[in-house]
């Protein structure tokens, strides 16, 4: 069964691969940014995208950094364990 996070990761991978192949349209950039933010926020308990967007800049930075750090650890674990 695919989890929400795995679905976001698959979408982000498509975005990343497309960006390696060509310049993305503005619409694609916006979509890929949204997917990436949602992916990182999936690691930050209790922070939705709507809450994130309403946060002051300093709080967004903290949430973004926490999410990115947890995402990278998750990604490393997936690579290490062959998933």
N, C-alpha and C. Protein backbone atom coordinates (compact mmCIF):
# COMPACT_ATOMS: atom_id res chain seq x y z
N UNK A 1 0.84 -1.19 0.00
CA UNK A 1 0.00 0.00 0.00
C UNK A 1 0.89 1.25 0.00
N UNK A 2 0.61 2.15 -0.87
CA UNK A 2 1.39 3.37 -0.99
C UNK A 2 0.87 4.41 0.01
N UNK A 3 1.80 5.01 0.73
CA UNK A 3 1.41 6.03 1.69
C UNK A 3 1.37 7.40 1.01
N UNK A 4 0.74 8.34 1.69
CA UNK A 4 0.68 9.72 1.20
C UNK A 4 2.08 10.25 0.92
N UNK A 5 3.00 10.00 1.84
CA UNK A 5 4.37 10.47 1.68
C UNK A 5 5.03 9.83 0.45
N UNK A 6 4.82 8.54 0.24
CA UNK A 6 5.39 7.87 -0.93
C UNK A 6 4.80 8.40 -2.23
N UNK A 7 3.51 8.74 -2.19
CA UNK A 7 2.88 9.33 -3.37
C UNK A 7 3.49 10.69 -3.68
N UNK A 8 3.70 11.49 -2.64
CA UNK A 8 4.35 12.79 -2.83
C UNK A 8 5.77 12.62 -3.36
N UNK A 9 6.48 11.64 -2.81
CA UNK A 9 7.85 11.39 -3.26
C UNK A 9 7.87 10.99 -4.73
N UNK A 10 6.92 10.15 -5.14
CA UNK A 10 6.84 9.74 -6.55
C UNK A 10 6.57 10.96 -7.44
N UNK A 11 5.65 11.83 -7.01
CA UNK A 11 5.37 13.05 -7.79
C UNK A 11 6.59 13.95 -7.84
N UNK A 12 7.27 14.09 -6.71
CA UNK A 12 8.48 14.93 -6.67
C UNK A 12 9.55 14.35 -7.59
N UNK A 13 9.68 13.05 -7.63
CA UNK A 13 10.67 12.40 -8.50
C UNK A 13 10.38 12.70 -9.97
N UNK A 14 9.10 12.68 -10.34
CA UNK A 14 8.70 13.02 -11.71
C UNK A 14 9.10 14.46 -12.02
N UNK A 15 8.84 15.35 -11.06
CA UNK A 15 9.21 16.76 -11.24
C UNK A 15 10.72 16.91 -11.41
N UNK A 16 11.45 16.24 -10.55
CA UNK A 16 12.91 16.34 -10.59
C UNK A 16 13.46 15.82 -11.91
N UNK A 17 12.94 14.68 -12.36
CA UNK A 17 13.40 14.11 -13.63
C UNK A 17 13.06 15.03 -14.80
N UNK A 18 11.87 15.60 -14.78
CA UNK A 18 11.47 16.52 -15.86
C UNK A 18 12.38 17.74 -15.89
N UNK A 19 12.74 18.24 -14.71
CA UNK A 19 13.60 19.43 -14.64
C UNK A 19 15.01 19.13 -15.16
N UNK A 20 15.43 17.89 -15.08
CA UNK A 20 16.74 17.51 -15.64
C UNK A 20 16.70 17.45 -17.16
N UNK A 21 15.51 17.20 -17.71
CA UNK A 21 15.35 17.05 -19.15
C UNK A 21 15.09 18.36 -19.88
N UNK A 22 14.41 19.29 -19.20
CA UNK A 22 13.99 20.51 -19.89
C UNK A 22 13.66 21.60 -18.87
N UNK A 23 13.47 22.79 -19.37
CA UNK A 23 13.03 23.90 -18.53
C UNK A 23 11.54 23.73 -18.29
N UNK A 24 11.14 23.76 -17.04
CA UNK A 24 9.73 23.59 -16.69
C UNK A 24 8.96 24.88 -16.94
N UNK A 25 7.68 24.72 -17.27
CA UNK A 25 6.80 25.89 -17.41
C UNK A 25 6.53 26.46 -16.03
N UNK A 26 6.01 27.67 -15.99
CA UNK A 26 5.69 28.30 -14.71
C UNK A 26 4.67 27.44 -13.93
N UNK A 27 3.69 26.91 -14.64
CA UNK A 27 2.68 26.06 -14.02
C UNK A 27 3.34 24.81 -13.40
N UNK A 28 4.26 24.21 -14.13
CA UNK A 28 4.96 23.02 -13.62
C UNK A 28 5.82 23.37 -12.40
N UNK A 29 6.49 24.50 -12.46
CA UNK A 29 7.31 24.94 -11.33
C UNK A 29 6.44 25.11 -10.09
N UNK A 30 5.31 25.78 -10.25
CA UNK A 30 4.39 25.98 -9.13
C UNK A 30 3.90 24.64 -8.57
N UNK A 31 3.54 23.74 -9.46
CA UNK A 31 3.07 22.41 -9.05
C UNK A 31 4.18 21.65 -8.31
N UNK A 32 5.36 21.66 -8.86
CA UNK A 32 6.48 20.92 -8.25
C UNK A 32 6.87 21.52 -6.90
N UNK A 33 6.82 22.83 -6.79
CA UNK A 33 7.10 23.49 -5.52
C UNK A 33 6.07 23.06 -4.48
N UNK A 34 4.81 23.04 -4.87
CA UNK A 34 3.74 22.63 -3.97
C UNK A 34 3.95 21.18 -3.50
N UNK A 35 4.31 20.31 -4.41
CA UNK A 35 4.57 18.91 -4.07
C UNK A 35 5.74 18.81 -3.09
N UNK A 36 6.82 19.54 -3.37
CA UNK A 36 8.02 19.48 -2.52
C UNK A 36 7.73 20.01 -1.12
N UNK A 37 6.99 21.10 -1.02
CA UNK A 37 6.63 21.64 0.29
C UNK A 37 5.76 20.63 1.04
N UNK A 38 4.77 20.06 0.37
CA UNK A 38 3.91 19.07 1.01
C UNK A 38 4.72 17.86 1.47
N UNK A 39 5.68 17.44 0.66
CA UNK A 39 6.54 16.31 1.04
C UNK A 39 7.31 16.64 2.31
N UNK A 40 7.95 17.80 2.35
CA UNK A 40 8.70 18.18 3.55
C UNK A 40 7.79 18.33 4.75
N UNK A 41 6.61 18.93 4.56
CA UNK A 41 5.70 19.12 5.68
C UNK A 41 5.11 17.80 6.17
N UNK A 42 5.14 16.76 5.35
CA UNK A 42 4.64 15.46 5.80
C UNK A 42 5.49 14.91 6.95
N UNK A 43 6.65 15.50 7.16
CA UNK A 43 7.54 15.09 8.25
C UNK A 43 7.40 15.99 9.48
N UNK A 44 6.61 17.05 9.37
CA UNK A 44 6.45 18.01 10.47
C UNK A 44 5.05 17.81 11.05
N UNK A 45 5.00 17.19 12.19
CA UNK A 45 3.72 16.85 12.82
C UNK A 45 2.90 18.10 13.12
N UNK A 46 1.65 18.05 12.68
CA UNK A 46 0.71 19.11 13.02
C UNK A 46 0.79 20.38 12.20
N UNK A 47 1.58 20.39 11.12
CA UNK A 47 1.67 21.59 10.28
C UNK A 47 1.15 21.25 8.89
N UNK A 48 0.00 21.84 8.56
CA UNK A 48 -0.56 21.66 7.23
C UNK A 48 0.00 22.72 6.29
N UNK A 49 -0.23 22.55 5.01
CA UNK A 49 0.22 23.53 4.04
C UNK A 49 -0.44 24.89 4.31
N UNK A 50 -1.70 24.86 4.65
CA UNK A 50 -2.42 26.10 4.92
C UNK A 50 -1.83 26.81 6.14
N UNK A 51 -1.54 26.05 7.19
CA UNK A 51 -0.91 26.63 8.37
C UNK A 51 0.48 27.17 8.04
N UNK A 52 1.21 26.42 7.25
CA UNK A 52 2.56 26.81 6.85
C UNK A 52 2.53 28.15 6.12
N UNK A 53 1.61 28.30 5.18
CA UNK A 53 1.52 29.53 4.40
C UNK A 53 1.14 30.73 5.25
N UNK A 54 0.41 30.49 6.35
CA UNK A 54 -0.03 31.58 7.23
C UNK A 54 1.01 31.94 8.29
N UNK A 55 2.05 31.16 8.42
CA UNK A 55 3.06 31.40 9.45
C UNK A 55 3.91 32.62 9.12
N UNK A 56 4.43 33.27 10.15
CA UNK A 56 5.44 34.31 9.91
C UNK A 56 6.68 33.66 9.27
N UNK A 57 7.46 34.45 8.59
CA UNK A 57 8.63 33.93 7.87
C UNK A 57 9.56 33.11 8.75
N UNK A 58 9.82 33.57 9.96
CA UNK A 58 10.74 32.84 10.85
C UNK A 58 10.20 31.46 11.20
N UNK A 59 8.91 31.36 11.42
CA UNK A 59 8.29 30.07 11.74
C UNK A 59 8.29 29.15 10.52
N UNK A 60 8.06 29.72 9.34
CA UNK A 60 8.13 28.91 8.10
C UNK A 60 9.52 28.35 7.92
N UNK A 61 10.53 29.16 8.23
CA UNK A 61 11.91 28.70 8.10
C UNK A 61 12.18 27.52 9.01
N UNK A 62 11.71 27.60 10.24
CA UNK A 62 11.90 26.50 11.20
C UNK A 62 11.19 25.23 10.70
N UNK A 63 9.94 25.36 10.30
CA UNK A 63 9.18 24.21 9.81
C UNK A 63 9.81 23.62 8.55
N UNK A 64 10.22 24.47 7.65
CA UNK A 64 10.85 24.03 6.40
C UNK A 64 12.15 23.28 6.69
N UNK A 65 12.95 23.80 7.59
CA UNK A 65 14.23 23.16 7.93
C UNK A 65 14.00 21.82 8.62
N UNK A 66 13.04 21.77 9.55
CA UNK A 66 12.71 20.50 10.21
C UNK A 66 12.24 19.47 9.19
N UNK A 67 11.36 19.90 8.30
CA UNK A 67 10.85 19.00 7.28
C UNK A 67 11.93 18.52 6.34
N UNK A 68 12.80 19.42 5.91
CA UNK A 68 13.88 19.06 4.99
C UNK A 68 14.84 18.07 5.66
N UNK A 69 15.20 18.34 6.91
CA UNK A 69 16.12 17.46 7.62
C UNK A 69 15.53 16.06 7.77
N UNK A 70 14.27 15.98 8.14
CA UNK A 70 13.61 14.68 8.30
C UNK A 70 13.45 13.99 6.95
N UNK A 71 13.14 14.75 5.91
CA UNK A 71 13.02 14.19 4.56
C UNK A 71 14.35 13.58 4.12
N UNK A 72 15.44 14.29 4.32
CA UNK A 72 16.76 13.77 3.91
C UNK A 72 17.11 12.50 4.69
N UNK A 73 16.77 12.44 5.98
CA UNK A 73 17.03 11.24 6.77
C UNK A 73 16.18 10.07 6.24
N UNK A 74 14.92 10.35 5.91
CA UNK A 74 14.03 9.34 5.35
C UNK A 74 14.57 8.84 4.00
N UNK A 75 15.01 9.77 3.18
CA UNK A 75 15.56 9.42 1.87
C UNK A 75 16.82 8.58 2.03
N UNK A 76 17.69 8.95 2.95
CA UNK A 76 18.91 8.17 3.21
C UNK A 76 18.54 6.76 3.66
N UNK A 77 17.54 6.66 4.52
CA UNK A 77 17.09 5.34 5.00
C UNK A 77 16.57 4.49 3.84
N UNK A 78 15.83 5.10 2.93
CA UNK A 78 15.30 4.38 1.77
C UNK A 78 16.44 3.87 0.89
N UNK A 79 17.45 4.72 0.70
CA UNK A 79 18.58 4.34 -0.14
C UNK A 79 19.39 3.23 0.54
N UNK A 80 19.61 3.38 1.84
CA UNK A 80 20.39 2.42 2.60
C UNK A 80 19.72 1.05 2.66
N UNK A 81 18.39 1.06 2.77
CA UNK A 81 17.65 -0.19 2.90
C UNK A 81 17.06 -0.68 1.58
N UNK A 82 17.46 -0.04 0.49
CA UNK A 82 17.09 -0.51 -0.84
C UNK A 82 15.62 -0.40 -1.21
N UNK A 83 14.96 0.64 -0.75
CA UNK A 83 13.54 0.81 -1.11
C UNK A 83 13.38 1.78 -2.24
